[in-house]
Amino acid sequence: VALAQSLIRCASVTPADAGALDVVTRAAAGMGFTVHRLMYDGTPNLFCRRGAGGPHLCFAGHTDVVPPGTTAWSADPFGGEIRDGAVFGRGACDMKGAVAAFLAAVSRKPKGPGSVSLLITGDEEGPATGGTVRVLQWMAERGHIPDFCLVGEPTNPNCLGEVVKIGRRGSINARVTVTGVQGHVAYPARVDNPVHRLVAALAEIAATRLDEGTEWFEPTSLQVTSVDVGNTATNLVPASATARLNIRFNDRHTGASLEAWLRNMFARHAKDFILEAAISGEAFLTAPGSETTRLAAAIEQVTGIVPKMDTGGGTSDARFISRYCPVAEFGLVGATMHMTDENVPVADLEMLTQIYEAVLDAFAA
């Protein structure tokens, strides 16, 4: 609890660190970890390892947080106040509490066979270009890739023990600008209305069911997030119209295949358009096996709950880790993450610490 409070009291809103990684460094160094401070593109990161052999279990997480927001908090968002049996503050459940719980779990365990490591970044809530993805490259070059990685993101919707994330959907953001011929609305023969073409394309795209889902993933979802013309005149056909959309996709697709599909669909309706696509992550899955079985057993041992294996929700840094080793996510209840008065019950912090202790035992056996 004291460690979680110390982390919360660091106002580490991305990209600021505000001393958060110093808190982790002191705790890890005091337990015999070799500490590496890594900076990429102005992003502070940390890799710590204790032991050199296998099996190698890595805990991954982040100490950066989103801003408190404009709504008034009932407590200082960076105060770490304990009230009504809970620790309040930005990052309490996403995910400074889990970082504290894992460090506490390691502190209760003597050095055993194998090794344990920490991959902690200060750029998960931001663009994530100078964080985990770069540290993994550094780890691979130096032989630090683990046998299994546990990410401490808040995975549980209501109570501790409900959900383990074994994969995530991919995500692609697209921006399309359709160009037409500007002119007076009273002379339709002289214009080529880009709004009509864009709306027709979006209607067909939004109506298309891309798949029915797979064994571990729900159906792919496409959402139009913005349509912008910027036309203040009532008698003018604009020269261009722009839209933005997001696709959350399962493992039947890749970012490249969906970008190609979008280009084909817009080409059916528009003579002249520009499509810009950014893939923030591909879909991935850690198929249930010995690692997830041991993780689930550790959770059941402490909570009495058999966790559901799930792939829903948004993206996380596990999308980068999955390129190197098996990965799963388990952390606190996420009911208040990113909200006003974010908090975590003290009892949940202790229970999560016990779960992480059981995980350490399972992977050291």
Protein backbone atom coordinates (compact mmCIF):
# COMPACT_ATOMS: atom_id res chain seq x y z
CA VAL A 1 0.00 0.00 0.00
CA ALA A 2 2.81 2.41 0.89
CA LEU A 3 4.50 1.67 -2.43
CA ALA A 4 1.26 2.29 -4.35
CA GLN A 5 0.87 5.59 -2.51
CA SER A 6 4.43 6.61 -3.36
CA LEU A 7 3.81 5.92 -7.04
CA ILE A 8 0.48 7.77 -7.07
CA ARG A 9 2.14 10.80 -5.51
CA CYS A 10 4.30 11.12 -8.64
CA ALA A 11 2.30 13.25 -11.10
CA SER A 12 3.52 11.14 -14.04
CA VAL A 13 1.06 12.30 -16.70
CA THR A 14 2.46 11.16 -20.06
CA PRO A 15 5.20 12.07 -21.00
CA ALA A 16 6.28 13.28 -17.52
CA ASP A 17 7.91 10.78 -15.15
CA ALA A 18 7.86 12.95 -12.02
CA GLY A 19 10.01 10.45 -10.13
CA ALA A 20 7.80 7.38 -10.62
CA LEU A 21 10.57 5.22 -12.10
CA ASP A 22 12.85 6.30 -9.26
CA VAL A 23 10.35 4.72 -6.85
CA VAL A 24 10.44 1.46 -8.81
CA THR A 25 14.23 1.60 -9.14
CA ARG A 26 14.77 1.94 -5.40
CA ALA A 27 12.44 -0.95 -4.65
CA ALA A 28 13.92 -3.23 -7.32
CA ALA A 29 17.56 -2.43 -6.53
CA GLY A 30 16.88 -3.13 -2.86
CA MET A 31 15.75 -6.64 -3.80
CA GLY A 32 18.84 -7.47 -5.81
CA PHE A 33 17.64 -6.59 -9.30
CA THR A 34 20.09 -5.31 -11.89
CA VAL A 35 18.53 -2.05 -13.07
CA HIS A 36 18.75 -0.54 -16.56
CA ARG A 37 17.33 2.93 -17.19
CA LEU A 38 16.52 3.31 -20.89
CA MET A 39 15.49 6.50 -22.69
CA TYR A 40 13.97 6.49 -26.18
CA ASP A 41 12.51 9.53 -27.92
CA GLY A 42 12.32 11.31 -24.57
CA THR A 43 10.46 8.41 -22.96
CA PRO A 44 11.83 7.03 -19.67
CA ASN A 45 11.79 3.24 -19.33
CA LEU A 46 13.09 0.64 -16.93
CA PHE A 47 14.24 -2.95 -17.30
CA CYS A 48 15.26 -4.84 -14.18
CA ARG A 49 16.22 -8.49 -13.83
CA ARG A 50 17.05 -10.72 -10.89
CA GLY A 51 18.69 -14.04 -11.76
CA ALA A 52 20.09 -15.22 -15.05
CA GLY A 53 18.63 -18.64 -15.76
CA GLY A 54 15.29 -20.04 -16.75
CA PRO A 55 12.43 -20.13 -16.47
CA HIS A 56 12.32 -16.37 -16.94
CA LEU A 57 9.09 -14.61 -15.91
CA CYS A 58 8.69 -10.94 -16.82
CA PHE A 59 6.17 -8.50 -15.37
CA ALA A 60 5.31 -5.61 -17.69
CA GLY A 61 3.53 -2.41 -16.85
CA HIS A 62 3.56 1.37 -16.95
CA THR A 63 3.84 4.22 -14.49
CA ASP A 64 2.51 6.97 -16.76
CA VAL A 65 -1.10 8.04 -16.31
CA VAL A 66 -3.76 10.08 -18.07
CA PRO A 67 -4.52 13.60 -16.78
CA PRO A 68 -6.91 13.96 -13.82
CA GLY A 69 -9.44 15.74 -16.03
CA THR A 70 -11.50 18.83 -15.27
CA THR A 71 -14.12 17.32 -12.97
CA ALA A 72 -13.48 18.02 -9.30
CA TRP A 73 -12.03 15.13 -7.33
CA SER A 74 -13.03 14.47 -3.72
CA ALA A 75 -9.33 13.89 -3.00
CA ASP A 76 -6.02 15.11 -4.40
CA PRO A 77 -5.55 13.04 -7.61
CA PHE A 78 -1.85 12.78 -6.75
CA GLY A 79 -2.25 12.46 -3.00
CA GLY A 80 -2.55 8.71 -2.54
CA GLU A 81 -5.09 9.29 0.25
CA ILE A 82 -6.60 6.27 2.00
CA ARG A 83 -10.32 6.70 2.67
CA ASP A 84 -13.09 4.19 3.31
CA GLY A 85 -10.66 1.33 2.86
CA ALA A 86 -9.40 2.43 -0.56
CA VAL A 87 -6.37 4.24 -1.98
CA PHE A 88 -7.42 7.21 -4.13
CA GLY A 89 -5.45 8.77 -6.95
CA ARG A 90 -4.77 8.83 -10.66
CA GLY A 91 -3.21 5.51 -11.61
CA ALA A 92 -4.46 3.64 -8.55
CA CYS A 93 -5.91 0.85 -10.69
CA ASP A 94 -4.36 1.73 -14.07
CA MET A 95 -1.79 0.62 -13.20
CA LYS A 96 0.42 1.81 -10.38
CA GLY A 97 -1.42 -0.46 -7.95
CA ALA A 98 -0.44 -3.55 -9.93
CA VAL A 99 3.19 -2.42 -10.20
CA ALA A 100 3.27 -2.01 -6.41
CA ALA A 101 1.61 -5.40 -5.91
CA PHE A 102 4.13 -7.22 -8.08
CA LEU A 103 7.09 -5.58 -6.37
CA ALA A 104 5.58 -6.48 -2.99
CA ALA A 105 5.07 -10.07 -4.15
CA VAL A 106 8.72 -10.36 -5.19
CA SER A 107 9.85 -8.89 -1.86
CA ARG A 108 8.13 -11.78 -0.07
CA LYS A 109 9.93 -14.41 -2.13
CA PRO A 110 13.55 -15.47 -1.68
CA LYS A 111 15.68 -15.78 -4.77
CA GLY A 112 14.90 -19.11 -6.35
CA PRO A 113 15.58 -21.00 -9.54
CA GLY A 114 15.12 -19.08 -12.74
CA SER A 115 14.80 -15.34 -13.00
CA VAL A 116 12.24 -12.58 -12.76
CA SER A 117 12.27 -9.24 -14.53
CA LEU A 118 10.37 -5.97 -14.79
CA LEU A 119 9.62 -4.02 -17.96
CA ILE A 120 8.18 -0.69 -16.86
CA THR A 121 7.53 2.13 -19.31
CA GLY A 122 6.54 5.77 -19.02
CA ASP A 123 4.76 5.80 -22.39
CA GLU A 124 1.77 3.47 -22.45
CA GLU A 125 -1.00 6.04 -22.23
CA GLY A 126 0.65 8.16 -24.94
CA PRO A 127 1.84 7.35 -28.48
CA ALA A 128 3.78 4.29 -27.18
CA THR A 129 6.56 4.75 -29.74
CA GLY A 130 9.45 5.19 -27.32
CA GLY A 131 8.32 2.76 -24.65
CA THR A 132 7.78 -0.99 -24.48
CA VAL A 133 8.31 -1.54 -28.20
CA ARG A 134 11.84 -0.11 -27.99
CA VAL A 135 12.72 -1.81 -24.70
CA LEU A 136 11.79 -5.16 -26.23
CA GLN A 137 14.26 -4.58 -29.05
CA TRP A 138 16.94 -3.82 -26.45
CA MET A 139 16.00 -6.97 -24.51
CA ALA A 140 16.15 -9.16 -27.62
CA GLU A 141 19.61 -7.87 -28.52
CA ARG A 142 20.91 -8.81 -25.05
CA GLY A 143 19.22 -12.15 -24.46
CA HIS A 144 16.57 -10.92 -22.02
CA ILE A 145 13.41 -12.17 -23.76
CA PRO A 146 11.35 -14.05 -21.13
CA ASP A 147 9.64 -17.41 -21.35
CA PHE A 148 6.37 -15.75 -20.35
CA CYS A 149 5.27 -12.17 -19.74
CA LEU A 150 2.49 -11.04 -17.42
CA VAL A 151 1.08 -7.55 -18.04
CA GLY A 152 -0.58 -5.96 -15.01
CA GLU A 153 -3.32 -4.02 -16.79
CA PRO A 154 -6.70 -3.88 -14.99
CA THR A 155 -8.51 -6.80 -16.60
CA ASN A 156 -11.39 -7.40 -14.18
CA PRO A 157 -14.73 -5.63 -14.70
CA ASN A 158 -16.28 -6.16 -11.27
CA CYS A 159 -14.19 -8.26 -8.89
CA LEU A 160 -10.67 -9.60 -8.70
CA GLY A 161 -10.24 -12.94 -10.44
CA GLU A 162 -12.84 -12.67 -13.20
CA VAL A 163 -10.81 -12.20 -16.38
CA VAL A 164 -7.42 -12.97 -17.87
CA LYS A 165 -6.70 -11.33 -21.22
CA ILE A 166 -4.98 -13.79 -23.57
CA GLY A 167 -5.16 -11.61 -26.67
CA ARG A 168 -6.38 -8.32 -28.02
CA ARG A 169 -8.07 -7.14 -31.16
CA GLY A 170 -6.09 -5.16 -33.66
CA SER A 171 -6.84 -1.50 -34.30
CA ILE A 172 -6.61 0.60 -37.45
CA ASN A 173 -7.46 4.31 -37.69
CA ALA A 174 -8.18 5.74 -41.11
CA ARG A 175 -8.72 9.23 -42.49
CA VAL A 176 -10.13 9.66 -45.97
CA THR A 177 -10.54 12.87 -47.97
CA VAL A 178 -12.74 12.78 -51.05
CA THR A 179 -12.20 15.57 -53.59
CA GLY A 180 -14.90 16.76 -55.99
CA VAL A 181 -15.67 19.83 -58.04
CA GLN A 182 -16.79 22.91 -56.11
CA GLY A 183 -19.63 25.06 -57.39
CA HIS A 184 -23.05 26.61 -56.95
CA VAL A 185 -25.78 24.32 -55.63
CA ALA A 186 -28.18 25.62 -58.26
CA TYR A 187 -26.05 24.19 -61.08
CA PRO A 188 -25.62 20.49 -60.24
CA ALA A 189 -24.37 19.62 -63.71
CA ARG A 190 -21.30 21.74 -63.11
CA VAL A 191 -20.28 20.19 -59.78
CA ASP A 192 -19.14 16.85 -58.43
CA ASN A 193 -20.32 16.72 -54.83
CA PRO A 194 -17.69 14.97 -52.66
CA VAL A 195 -20.09 14.77 -49.71
CA HIS A 196 -22.48 12.57 -51.68
CA ARG A 197 -19.65 10.26 -52.71
CA LEU A 198 -18.21 10.09 -49.20
CA VAL A 199 -21.56 9.42 -47.55
CA ALA A 200 -22.40 6.69 -50.06
CA ALA A 201 -19.07 4.99 -49.46
CA LEU A 202 -19.43 5.22 -45.68
CA ALA A 203 -22.95 3.81 -45.84
CA GLU A 204 -21.76 0.73 -47.74
CA ILE A 205 -18.70 0.31 -45.53
CA ALA A 206 -20.69 0.62 -42.29
CA ALA A 207 -23.28 -1.87 -43.52
CA THR A 208 -20.69 -4.52 -44.37
CA ARG A 209 -20.30 -7.32 -41.82
CA LEU A 210 -16.64 -8.23 -42.06
CA ASP A 211 -16.86 -11.55 -40.22
CA GLU A 212 -18.81 -13.52 -37.61
CA GLY A 213 -16.03 -13.65 -35.06
CA THR A 214 -13.65 -16.51 -34.24
CA GLU A 215 -13.18 -18.96 -31.40
CA TRP A 216 -11.56 -16.38 -29.12
CA PHE A 217 -12.60 -13.08 -30.73
CA GLU A 218 -15.87 -11.25 -31.22
CA PRO A 219 -16.81 -9.98 -34.71
CA THR A 220 -14.73 -7.19 -36.18
CA SER A 221 -16.22 -3.75 -35.48
CA LEU A 222 -16.03 -0.65 -37.68
CA GLN A 223 -17.08 2.75 -36.36
CA VAL A 224 -17.17 6.05 -38.25
CA THR A 225 -15.87 8.62 -35.76
CA SER A 226 -16.10 11.87 -37.71
CA VAL A 227 -17.41 13.42 -40.93
CA ASP A 228 -16.05 16.92 -41.63
CA VAL A 229 -16.76 19.34 -44.46
CA GLY A 230 -16.13 22.77 -42.96
CA ASN A 231 -18.65 24.43 -45.25
CA THR A 232 -20.42 27.46 -43.74
CA ALA A 233 -22.27 28.45 -46.92
CA THR A 234 -25.74 27.14 -47.78
CA ASN A 235 -25.40 27.59 -51.54
CA LEU A 236 -21.95 26.07 -52.09
CA VAL A 237 -20.99 22.53 -52.99
CA PRO A 238 -17.64 22.04 -51.22
CA ALA A 239 -14.45 20.97 -52.93
CA SER A 240 -13.71 18.17 -50.48
CA ALA A 241 -15.08 16.18 -47.56
CA THR A 242 -13.22 14.17 -44.92
CA ALA A 243 -14.13 11.31 -42.62
CA ARG A 244 -12.35 9.33 -39.94
CA LEU A 245 -13.05 5.77 -38.83
CA ASN A 246 -11.68 3.03 -36.60
CA ILE A 247 -11.73 -0.73 -37.07
CA ARG A 248 -11.17 -3.11 -34.15
CA PHE A 249 -10.40 -6.41 -35.83
CA ASN A 250 -9.94 -10.03 -34.89
CA ASP A 251 -7.35 -12.56 -36.03
CA ARG A 252 -9.08 -13.18 -39.37
CA HIS A 253 -7.63 -9.89 -40.60
CA THR A 254 -4.45 -7.87 -40.66
CA GLY A 255 -4.07 -4.12 -40.72
CA ALA A 256 -2.78 -4.30 -44.30
CA SER A 257 -5.70 -6.40 -45.53
CA LEU A 258 -8.24 -3.99 -44.02
CA GLU A 259 -6.45 -0.96 -45.47
CA ALA A 260 -6.63 -2.61 -48.91
CA TRP A 261 -10.34 -3.34 -48.38
CA LEU A 262 -11.03 0.28 -47.46
CA ARG A 263 -9.21 1.54 -50.54
CA ASN A 264 -11.27 -0.73 -52.74
CA MET A 265 -14.54 0.36 -51.12
CA PHE A 266 -13.81 4.08 -51.46
CA ALA A 267 -12.67 3.58 -55.05
CA ARG A 268 -16.14 2.20 -55.85
CA HIS A 269 -17.67 5.58 -55.01
CA ALA A 270 -15.04 8.27 -55.46
CA LYS A 271 -12.91 9.22 -58.46
CA ASP A 272 -10.40 11.16 -56.39
CA PHE A 273 -9.62 10.39 -52.74
CA ILE A 274 -6.71 10.14 -50.32
CA LEU A 275 -6.73 7.46 -47.64
CA GLU A 276 -4.33 7.62 -44.69
CA ALA A 277 -4.27 4.59 -42.43
CA ALA A 278 -2.41 4.01 -39.16
CA ILE A 279 -2.25 0.55 -37.61
CA SER A 280 -1.78 0.88 -33.86
CA GLY A 281 -1.67 -2.88 -33.31
CA GLU A 282 -2.36 -6.22 -34.94
CA ALA A 283 -4.67 -8.81 -33.43
CA PHE A 284 -2.83 -11.41 -31.37
CA LEU A 285 -3.61 -14.46 -29.27
CA THR A 286 -1.69 -16.48 -26.71
CA ALA A 287 -3.41 -19.82 -27.18
CA PRO A 288 -4.39 -21.41 -23.87
CA GLY A 289 -1.60 -23.70 -22.70
CA SER A 290 0.68 -24.42 -19.78
CA GLU A 291 1.44 -20.73 -19.05
CA THR A 292 -2.18 -19.60 -18.95
CA THR A 293 -3.13 -22.73 -16.99
CA ARG A 294 -0.60 -21.88 -14.29
CA LEU A 295 -1.76 -18.27 -14.20
CA ALA A 296 -5.42 -19.30 -13.90
CA ALA A 297 -4.56 -21.79 -11.14
CA ALA A 298 -2.76 -19.09 -9.16
CA ILE A 299 -5.78 -16.80 -9.45
CA GLU A 300 -8.20 -19.54 -8.38
CA GLN A 301 -5.95 -20.49 -5.47
CA VAL A 302 -6.29 -17.00 -3.95
CA THR A 303 -9.76 -15.88 -5.07
CA GLY A 304 -11.67 -19.13 -5.47
CA ILE A 305 -12.70 -17.93 -8.94
CA VAL A 306 -11.87 -19.68 -12.20
CA PRO A 307 -11.04 -16.74 -14.49
CA LYS A 308 -12.51 -16.38 -17.94
CA MET A 309 -10.03 -16.22 -20.81
CA ASP A 310 -10.92 -13.16 -22.88
CA THR A 311 -9.69 -10.97 -25.75
CA GLY A 312 -12.05 -7.97 -25.49
CA GLY A 313 -11.34 -4.35 -24.71
CA GLY A 314 -8.86 -1.90 -26.16
CA THR A 315 -5.20 -2.27 -26.97
CA SER A 316 -2.31 -2.56 -24.52
CA ASP A 317 1.46 -2.97 -24.67
CA ALA A 318 0.87 -6.72 -24.84
CA ARG A 319 0.48 -6.15 -28.59
CA PHE A 320 4.22 -5.50 -28.75
CA ILE A 321 5.23 -8.26 -26.33
CA SER A 322 3.27 -10.89 -28.29
CA ARG A 323 5.84 -10.59 -31.11
CA TYR A 324 8.53 -11.99 -28.80
CA CYS A 325 6.98 -14.42 -26.29
CA PRO A 326 3.70 -15.73 -24.85
CA VAL A 327 1.89 -12.99 -22.93
CA ALA A 328 -1.24 -12.61 -20.83
CA GLU A 329 -2.73 -9.77 -18.81
CA PHE A 330 -4.10 -9.78 -15.29
CA GLY A 331 -4.44 -6.93 -12.83
CA LEU A 332 -6.92 -5.00 -10.73
CA VAL A 333 -10.60 -4.15 -11.22
CA GLY A 334 -10.81 -1.41 -13.84
CA ALA A 335 -14.16 0.11 -12.86
CA THR A 336 -12.70 3.54 -12.00
CA MET A 337 -9.71 3.73 -14.37
CA HIS A 338 -9.38 7.11 -16.13
CA MET A 339 -12.35 8.36 -14.08
CA THR A 340 -12.67 11.04 -11.43
CA ASP A 341 -11.80 9.60 -7.99
CA GLU A 342 -9.96 6.60 -9.42
CA ASN A 343 -9.30 4.25 -6.52
CA VAL A 344 -8.44 0.71 -5.50
CA PRO A 345 -9.55 -1.08 -2.32
CA VAL A 346 -6.67 -1.85 0.01
CA ALA A 347 -8.02 -5.40 0.25
CA ASP A 348 -7.68 -5.80 -3.53
CA LEU A 349 -4.06 -4.63 -3.44
CA GLU A 350 -3.26 -7.29 -0.85
CA MET A 351 -5.16 -9.98 -2.75
CA LEU A 352 -3.44 -9.11 -6.03
CA THR A 353 -0.09 -9.30 -4.25
CA GLN A 354 -0.98 -12.79 -3.04
CA ILE A 355 -1.98 -13.79 -6.58
CA TYR A 356 1.32 -12.53 -7.96
CA GLU A 357 3.11 -14.48 -5.19
CA ALA A 358 1.30 -17.62 -6.37
CA VAL A 359 2.27 -16.83 -9.96
CA LEU A 360 5.93 -16.52 -8.95
CA ASP A 361 5.72 -19.87 -7.19
CA ALA A 362 4.04 -21.51 -10.20
CA PHE A 363 6.65 -20.31 -12.67
CA ALA A 364 9.58 -21.13 -10.40
CA ALA A 365 8.43 -24.73 -9.93
